[in-house]
Every structure is written in C-alpha cells, then in structure tokens.
Amino acid sequence: VNEIGIACNPLAQAEIMNQEGTELNFIYGLCVG
C-alpha cells in the first residue's frame, strides 16, 4: 500500500469514459501497468 492509502483506479477511468461515450481517449502519465 502506498503512503497515500488510496488506490489508482484505471478500470473506473476506462468504464466512466465508456459510459460517457468518448470517441478517443488520451493517457496523461498513468503508472506502468
């Protein structure tokens, strides 16, 4: 567990964009993996 105690949530990032109907997605600095 990191010192912040909050998890990165890439699945939620993707699913929110799926639900919002984005046509192209950009990544700005997500962790490897």
All heavy atoms as atom14 arrays in JSON, in Angstrom:
{
  "sequence": "VNEIGIACNPLAQAEIMNQEGTELNFIYGLCVG",
  "atom14_mask": [
    [1, 1, 1, 1, 1, 1, 1, 0, 0, 0, 0, 0, 0, 0],
    [1, 1, 1, 1, 1, 1, 1, 1, 0, 0, 0, 0, 0, 0],
    [1, 1, 1, 1, 1, 1, 1, 1, 1, 0, 0, 0, 0, 0],
    [1, 1, 1, 1, 1, 1, 1, 1, 0, 0, 0, 0, 0, 0],
    [1, 1, 1, 1, 0, 0, 0, 0, 0, 0, 0, 0, 0, 0],
    [1, 1, 1, 1, 1, 1, 1, 1, 0, 0, 0, 0, 0, 0],
    [1, 1, 1, 1, 1, 0, 0, 0, 0, 0, 0, 0, 0, 0],
    [1, 1, 1, 1, 1, 1, 0, 0, 0, 0, 0, 0, 0, 0],
    [1, 1, 1, 1, 1, 1, 1, 1, 0, 0, 0, 0, 0, 0],
    [1, 1, 1, 1, 1, 1, 1, 0, 0, 0, 0, 0, 0, 0],
    [1, 1, 1, 1, 1, 1, 1, 1, 0, 0, 0, 0, 0, 0],
    [1, 1, 1, 1, 1, 0, 0, 0, 0, 0, 0, 0, 0, 0],
    [1, 1, 1, 1, 1, 1, 1, 1, 1, 0, 0, 0, 0, 0],
    [1, 1, 1, 1, 1, 0, 0, 0, 0, 0, 0, 0, 0, 0],
    [1, 1, 1, 1, 1, 1, 1, 1, 1, 0, 0, 0, 0, 0],
    [1, 1, 1, 1, 1, 1, 1, 1, 0, 0, 0, 0, 0, 0],
    [1, 1, 1, 1, 1, 1, 1, 1, 0, 0, 0, 0, 0, 0],
    [1, 1, 1, 1, 1, 1, 1, 1, 0, 0, 0, 0, 0, 0],
    [1, 1, 1, 1, 1, 1, 1, 1, 1, 0, 0, 0, 0, 0],
    [1, 1, 1, 1, 1, 1, 1, 1, 1, 0, 0, 0, 0, 0],
    [1, 1, 1, 1, 0, 0, 0, 0, 0, 0, 0, 0, 0, 0],
    [1, 1, 1, 1, 1, 1, 1, 0, 0, 0, 0, 0, 0, 0],
    [1, 1, 1, 1, 1, 1, 1, 1, 1, 0, 0, 0, 0, 0],
    [1, 1, 1, 1, 1, 1, 1, 1, 0, 0, 0, 0, 0, 0],
    [1, 1, 1, 1, 1, 1, 1, 1, 0, 0, 0, 0, 0, 0],
    [1, 1, 1, 1, 1, 1, 1, 1, 1, 1, 1, 0, 0, 0],
    [1, 1, 1, 1, 1, 1, 1, 1, 0, 0, 0, 0, 0, 0],
    [1, 1, 1, 1, 1, 1, 1, 1, 1, 1, 1, 1, 0, 0],
    [1, 1, 1, 1, 0, 0, 0, 0, 0, 0, 0, 0, 0, 0],
    [1, 1, 1, 1, 1, 1, 1, 1, 0, 0, 0, 0, 0, 0],
    [1, 1, 1, 1, 1, 1, 0, 0, 0, 0, 0, 0, 0, 0],
    [1, 1, 1, 1, 1, 1, 1, 0, 0, 0, 0, 0, 0, 0],
    [1, 1, 1, 1, 0, 0, 0, 0, 0, 0, 0, 0, 0, 0]
  ],
  "atom14_positions": [
    [[0.84, -1.2, 0.0], [0.0, 0.0, 0.0], [0.88, 1.25, 0.0], [1.86, 1.34, 0.75], [-0.94, 0.0, 1.22], [-1.67, 1.33, 1.34], [-1.93, -1.14, 1.13], [0.0, 0.0, 0.0], [0.0, 0.0, 0.0], [0.0, 0.0, 0.0], [0.0, 0.0, 0.0], [0.0, 0.0, 0.0], [0.0, 0.0, 0.0], [0.0, 0.0, 0.0]],
    [[0.53, 2.22, -0.85], [1.3, 3.46, -0.91], [1.04, 4.34, 0.3], [0.1, 4.1, 1.07], [1.0, 4.22, -2.21], [-0.47, 4.59, -2.35], [-1.1, 5.03, -1.38], [-1.02, 4.44, -3.55], [0.0, 0.0, 0.0], [0.0, 0.0, 0.0], [0.0, 0.0, 0.0], [0.0, 0.0, 0.0], [0.0, 0.0, 0.0], [0.0, 0.0, 0.0]],
    [[1.87, 5.37, 0.45], [1.77, 6.23, 1.63], [0.48, 7.04, 1.65], [0.04, 7.5, 2.71], [2.98, 7.16, 1.71], [3.17, 8.11, 0.55], [3.9, 7.48, -0.62], [4.12, 6.27, -0.59], [4.23, 8.23, -1.57], [0.0, 0.0, 0.0], [0.0, 0.0, 0.0], [0.0, 0.0, 0.0], [0.0, 0.0, 0.0], [0.0, 0.0, 0.0]],
    [[-0.15, 7.21, 0.5], [-1.4, 7.97, 0.44], [-2.56, 7.13, 0.94], [-3.52, 7.65, 1.51], [-1.67, 8.45, -1.01], [-0.52, 9.32, -1.49], [-2.98, 9.23, -1.1], [-0.6, 9.7, -2.94], [0.0, 0.0, 0.0], [0.0, 0.0, 0.0], [0.0, 0.0, 0.0], [0.0, 0.0, 0.0], [0.0, 0.0, 0.0], [0.0, 0.0, 0.0]],
    [[-2.48, 5.83, 0.72], [-3.54, 4.95, 1.18], [-4.75, 4.93, 0.26], [-5.84, 4.5, 0.67], [0.0, 0.0, 0.0], [0.0, 0.0, 0.0], [0.0, 0.0, 0.0], [0.0, 0.0, 0.0], [0.0, 0.0, 0.0], [0.0, 0.0, 0.0], [0.0, 0.0, 0.0], [0.0, 0.0, 0.0], [0.0, 0.0, 0.0], [0.0, 0.0, 0.0]],
    [[-4.6, 5.41, -0.97], [-5.68, 5.41, -1.95], [-5.17, 4.74, -3.22], [-4.05, 5.01, -3.66], [-6.17, 6.84, -2.26], [-6.69, 7.51, -0.99], [-7.26, 6.83, -3.33], [-7.0, 8.98, -1.17], [0.0, 0.0, 0.0], [0.0, 0.0, 0.0], [0.0, 0.0, 0.0], [0.0, 0.0, 0.0], [0.0, 0.0, 0.0], [0.0, 0.0, 0.0]],
    [[-5.98, 3.88, -3.79], [-5.55, 3.11, -4.95], [-5.83, 3.85, -6.25], [-6.86, 4.53, -6.39], [-6.26, 1.76, -4.98], [0.0, 0.0, 0.0], [0.0, 0.0, 0.0], [0.0, 0.0, 0.0], [0.0, 0.0, 0.0], [0.0, 0.0, 0.0], [0.0, 0.0, 0.0], [0.0, 0.0, 0.0], [0.0, 0.0, 0.0], [0.0, 0.0, 0.0]],
    [[-4.91, 3.71, -7.22], [-5.22, 4.13, -8.58], [-6.33, 3.23, -9.1], [-6.41, 2.05, -8.76], [-3.99, 4.01, -9.48], [-2.68, 5.19, -9.09], [0.0, 0.0, 0.0], [0.0, 0.0, 0.0], [0.0, 0.0, 0.0], [0.0, 0.0, 0.0], [0.0, 0.0, 0.0], [0.0, 0.0, 0.0], [0.0, 0.0, 0.0], [0.0, 0.0, 0.0]],
    [[-7.19, 3.79, -9.93], [-8.38, 3.05, -10.36], [-8.55, 3.15, -11.88], [-9.49, 3.78, -12.38], [-9.61, 3.61, -9.64], [-10.78, 2.66, -9.68], [-10.79, 1.7, -10.44], [-11.78, 2.92, -8.85], [0.0, 0.0, 0.0], [0.0, 0.0, 0.0], [0.0, 0.0, 0.0], [0.0, 0.0, 0.0], [0.0, 0.0, 0.0], [0.0, 0.0, 0.0]],
    [[-7.62, 2.55, -12.65], [-7.7, 2.66, -14.1], [-8.93, 2.02, -14.7], [-9.4, 2.43, -15.76], [-6.41, 1.97, -14.58], [-6.05, 1.05, -13.47], [-6.46, 1.74, -12.22], [0.0, 0.0, 0.0], [0.0, 0.0, 0.0], [0.0, 0.0, 0.0], [0.0, 0.0, 0.0], [0.0, 0.0, 0.0], [0.0, 0.0, 0.0], [0.0, 0.0, 0.0]],
    [[-9.48, 0.99, -14.02], [-10.7, 0.37, -14.54], [-11.87, 1.35, -14.48], [-12.67, 1.44, -15.43], [-11.03, -0.9, -13.76], [-9.99, -2.03, -13.8], [-10.52, -3.27, -13.09], [-9.62, -2.37, -15.24], [0.0, 0.0, 0.0], [0.0, 0.0, 0.0], [0.0, 0.0, 0.0], [0.0, 0.0, 0.0], [0.0, 0.0, 0.0], [0.0, 0.0, 0.0]],
    [[-11.96, 2.09, -13.38], [-13.03, 3.1, -13.28], [-12.81, 4.2, -14.3], [-13.78, 4.69, -14.9], [-13.07, 3.68, -11.87], [0.0, 0.0, 0.0], [0.0, 0.0, 0.0], [0.0, 0.0, 0.0], [0.0, 0.0, 0.0], [0.0, 0.0, 0.0], [0.0, 0.0, 0.0], [0.0, 0.0, 0.0], [0.0, 0.0, 0.0], [0.0, 0.0, 0.0]],
    [[-11.55, 4.61, -14.51], [-11.28, 5.63, -15.52], [-11.81, 5.2, -16.89], [-12.48, 5.96, -17.59], [-9.77, 5.89, -15.62], [-9.2, 6.63, -14.41], [-7.69, 6.83, -14.53], [-6.93, 5.85, -14.5], [-7.26, 8.06, -14.68], [0.0, 0.0, 0.0], [0.0, 0.0, 0.0], [0.0, 0.0, 0.0], [0.0, 0.0, 0.0], [0.0, 0.0, 0.0]],
    [[-11.52, 3.96, -17.26], [-11.95, 3.46, -18.56], [-13.47, 3.31, -18.63], [-14.1, 3.72, -19.61], [-11.28, 2.12, -18.86], [0.0, 0.0, 0.0], [0.0, 0.0, 0.0], [0.0, 0.0, 0.0], [0.0, 0.0, 0.0], [0.0, 0.0, 0.0], [0.0, 0.0, 0.0], [0.0, 0.0, 0.0], [0.0, 0.0, 0.0], [0.0, 0.0, 0.0]],
    [[-14.06, 2.74, -17.57], [-15.51, 2.48, -17.62], [-16.32, 3.76, -17.58], [-17.39, 3.85, -18.21], [-15.9, 1.56, -16.46], [-15.36, 0.14, -16.58], [-15.82, -0.57, -17.84], [-16.89, -0.23, -18.38], [-15.08, -1.46, -18.32], [0.0, 0.0, 0.0], [0.0, 0.0, 0.0], [0.0, 0.0, 0.0], [0.0, 0.0, 0.0], [0.0, 0.0, 0.0]],
    [[-15.84, 4.77, -16.87], [-16.54, 6.07, -16.87], [-16.52, 6.66, -18.28], [-17.53, 7.17, -18.78], [-15.91, 7.03, -15.85], [-16.25, 6.57, -14.43], [-16.39, 8.46, -16.08], [-15.5, 7.3, -13.35], [0.0, 0.0, 0.0], [0.0, 0.0, 0.0], [0.0, 0.0, 0.0], [0.0, 0.0, 0.0], [0.0, 0.0, 0.0], [0.0, 0.0, 0.0]],
    [[-15.38, 6.58, -18.93], [-15.28, 7.1, -20.3], [-16.14, 6.28, -21.26], [-16.75, 6.84, -22.18], [-13.82, 7.14, -20.74], [-13.01, 8.17, -19.98], [-11.29, 8.24, -20.51], [-10.62, 9.34, -19.24], [0.0, 0.0, 0.0], [0.0, 0.0, 0.0], [0.0, 0.0, 0.0], [0.0, 0.0, 0.0], [0.0, 0.0, 0.0], [0.0, 0.0, 0.0]],
    [[-16.19, 4.97, -21.04], [-17.07, 4.14, -21.86], [-18.52, 4.6, -21.72], [-19.25, 4.74, -22.71], [-16.95, 2.67, -21.45], [-15.59, 2.07, -21.77], [-14.82, 2.62, -22.55], [-15.29, 0.93, -21.15], [0.0, 0.0, 0.0], [0.0, 0.0, 0.0], [0.0, 0.0, 0.0], [0.0, 0.0, 0.0], [0.0, 0.0, 0.0], [0.0, 0.0, 0.0]],
    [[-18.93, 4.82, -20.47], [-20.31, 5.23, -20.21], [-20.59, 6.62, -20.76], [-21.71, 6.9, -21.24], [-20.6, 5.19, -18.71], [-22.05, 5.48, -18.36], [-22.37, 5.17, -16.91], [-21.96, 4.14, -16.38], [-23.07, 6.07, -16.25], [0.0, 0.0, 0.0], [0.0, 0.0, 0.0], [0.0, 0.0, 0.0], [0.0, 0.0, 0.0], [0.0, 0.0, 0.0]],
    [[-19.59, 7.49, -20.72], [-19.77, 8.86, -21.21], [-19.69, 8.94, -22.73], [-19.96, 9.99, -23.32], [-18.71, 9.77, -20.59], [-18.9, 10.02, -19.1], [-20.15, 10.83, -18.83], [-20.28, 11.95, -19.37], [-21.03, 10.33, -18.11], [0.0, 0.0, 0.0], [0.0, 0.0, 0.0], [0.0, 0.0, 0.0], [0.0, 0.0, 0.0], [0.0, 0.0, 0.0]],
    [[-19.31, 7.84, -23.37], [-19.31, 7.79, -24.83], [-18.17, 8.55, -25.5], [-18.36, 9.14, -26.57], [0.0, 0.0, 0.0], [0.0, 0.0, 0.0], [0.0, 0.0, 0.0], [0.0, 0.0, 0.0], [0.0, 0.0, 0.0], [0.0, 0.0, 0.0], [0.0, 0.0, 0.0], [0.0, 0.0, 0.0], [0.0, 0.0, 0.0], [0.0, 0.0, 0.0]],
    [[-16.99, 8.52, -24.9], [-15.86, 9.18, -25.55], [-15.5, 8.44, -26.84], [-15.65, 7.22, -26.94], [-14.63, 9.22, -24.62], [-14.31, 7.89, -24.19], [-14.91, 10.09, -23.4], [0.0, 0.0, 0.0], [0.0, 0.0, 0.0], [0.0, 0.0, 0.0], [0.0, 0.0, 0.0], [0.0, 0.0, 0.0], [0.0, 0.0, 0.0], [0.0, 0.0, 0.0]],
    [[-15.01, 9.19, -27.81], [-14.67, 8.61, -29.11], [-13.17, 8.38, -29.28], [-12.75, 7.65, -30.18], [-15.16, 9.55, -30.22], [-16.67, 9.78, -30.19], [-17.06, 11.03, -30.94], [-17.06, 12.12, -30.33], [-17.35, 10.91, -32.15], [0.0, 0.0, 0.0], [0.0, 0.0, 0.0], [0.0, 0.0, 0.0], [0.0, 0.0, 0.0], [0.0, 0.0, 0.0]],
    [[-12.39, 9.0, -28.44], [-10.93, 8.84, -28.43], [-10.46, 9.17, -27.03], [-10.91, 10.16, -26.44], [-10.28, 9.79, -29.44], [-8.74, 9.84, -29.46], [-8.15, 8.52, -29.94], [-8.24, 11.0, -30.34], [0.0, 0.0, 0.0], [0.0, 0.0, 0.0], [0.0, 0.0, 0.0], [0.0, 0.0, 0.0], [0.0, 0.0, 0.0], [0.0, 0.0, 0.0]],
    [[-9.58, 8.34, -26.48], [-9.09, 8.58, -25.12], [-7.59, 8.82, -25.12], [-6.84, 8.15, -25.84], [-9.41, 7.38, -24.21], [-10.89, 7.27, -23.91], [-11.62, 8.26, -23.92], [-11.35, 6.05, -23.66], [0.0, 0.0, 0.0], [0.0, 0.0, 0.0], [0.0, 0.0, 0.0], [0.0, 0.0, 0.0], [0.0, 0.0, 0.0], [0.0, 0.0, 0.0]],
    [[-7.18, 9.78, -24.29], [-5.77, 10.11, -24.13], [-5.3, 9.69, -22.73], [-6.04, 9.8, -21.76], [-5.54, 11.62, -24.27], [-5.88, 12.16, -25.63], [-6.97, 12.99, -25.81], [-5.09, 11.84, -26.73], [-7.28, 13.5, -27.05], [-5.4, 12.35, -27.98], [-6.49, 13.18, -28.15], [0.0, 0.0, 0.0], [0.0, 0.0, 0.0], [0.0, 0.0, 0.0]],
    [[-4.07, 9.24, -22.65], [-3.44, 8.95, -21.36], [-2.43, 10.04, -21.06], [-1.6, 10.37, -21.9], [-2.72, 7.58, -21.39], [-3.74, 6.45, -21.44], [-1.8, 7.42, -20.18], [-3.11, 5.07, -21.54], [0.0, 0.0, 0.0], [0.0, 0.0, 0.0], [0.0, 0.0, 0.0], [0.0, 0.0, 0.0], [0.0, 0.0, 0.0], [0.0, 0.0, 0.0]],
    [[-2.53, 10.59, -19.86], [-1.52, 11.54, -19.42], [-0.91, 11.01, -18.12], [-1.42, 11.24, -17.03], [-2.08, 12.94, -19.2], [-0.99, 13.99, -19.26], [-0.86, 14.84, -20.34], [-0.03, 14.09, -18.25], [0.17, 15.76, -20.43], [1.0, 14.99, -18.32], [1.09, 15.83, -19.4], [2.13, 16.72, -19.49], [0.0, 0.0, 0.0], [0.0, 0.0, 0.0]],
    [[0.18, 10.24, -18.25], [1.01, 9.89, -17.11], [0.51, 8.8, -16.19], [0.87, 8.8, -15.01], [0.0, 0.0, 0.0], [0.0, 0.0, 0.0], [0.0, 0.0, 0.0], [0.0, 0.0, 0.0], [0.0, 0.0, 0.0], [0.0, 0.0, 0.0], [0.0, 0.0, 0.0], [0.0, 0.0, 0.0], [0.0, 0.0, 0.0], [0.0, 0.0, 0.0]],
    [[-0.29, 7.86, -16.66], [-0.68, 6.77, -15.77], [0.53, 5.88, -15.48], [1.45, 5.77, -16.29], [-1.79, 5.92, -16.42], [-3.12, 6.64, -16.72], [-4.16, 5.62, -17.17], [-3.61, 7.44, -15.53], [0.0, 0.0, 0.0], [0.0, 0.0, 0.0], [0.0, 0.0, 0.0], [0.0, 0.0, 0.0], [0.0, 0.0, 0.0], [0.0, 0.0, 0.0]],
    [[0.49, 5.21, -14.33], [1.59, 4.32, -13.95], [1.71, 3.16, -14.94], [0.72, 2.74, -15.55], [1.35, 3.74, -12.55], [1.33, 4.96, -11.23], [0.0, 0.0, 0.0], [0.0, 0.0, 0.0], [0.0, 0.0, 0.0], [0.0, 0.0, 0.0], [0.0, 0.0, 0.0], [0.0, 0.0, 0.0], [0.0, 0.0, 0.0], [0.0, 0.0, 0.0]],
    [[2.92, 2.64, -15.06], [3.12, 1.43, -15.85], [2.23, 0.32, -15.27], [2.24, 0.06, -14.08], [4.6, 0.99, -15.81], [4.76, -0.39, -16.44], [5.48, 2.0, -16.53], [0.0, 0.0, 0.0], [0.0, 0.0, 0.0], [0.0, 0.0, 0.0], [0.0, 0.0, 0.0], [0.0, 0.0, 0.0], [0.0, 0.0, 0.0], [0.0, 0.0, 0.0]],
    [[1.48, -0.33, -16.11], [0.56, -1.38, -15.66], [-0.85, -0.85, -15.52], [-1.81, -1.46, -16.01], [0.0, 0.0, 0.0], [0.0, 0.0, 0.0], [0.0, 0.0, 0.0], [0.0, 0.0, 0.0], [0.0, 0.0, 0.0], [0.0, 0.0, 0.0], [0.0, 0.0, 0.0], [0.0, 0.0, 0.0], [0.0, 0.0, 0.0], [0.0, 0.0, 0.0]]
  ]
}
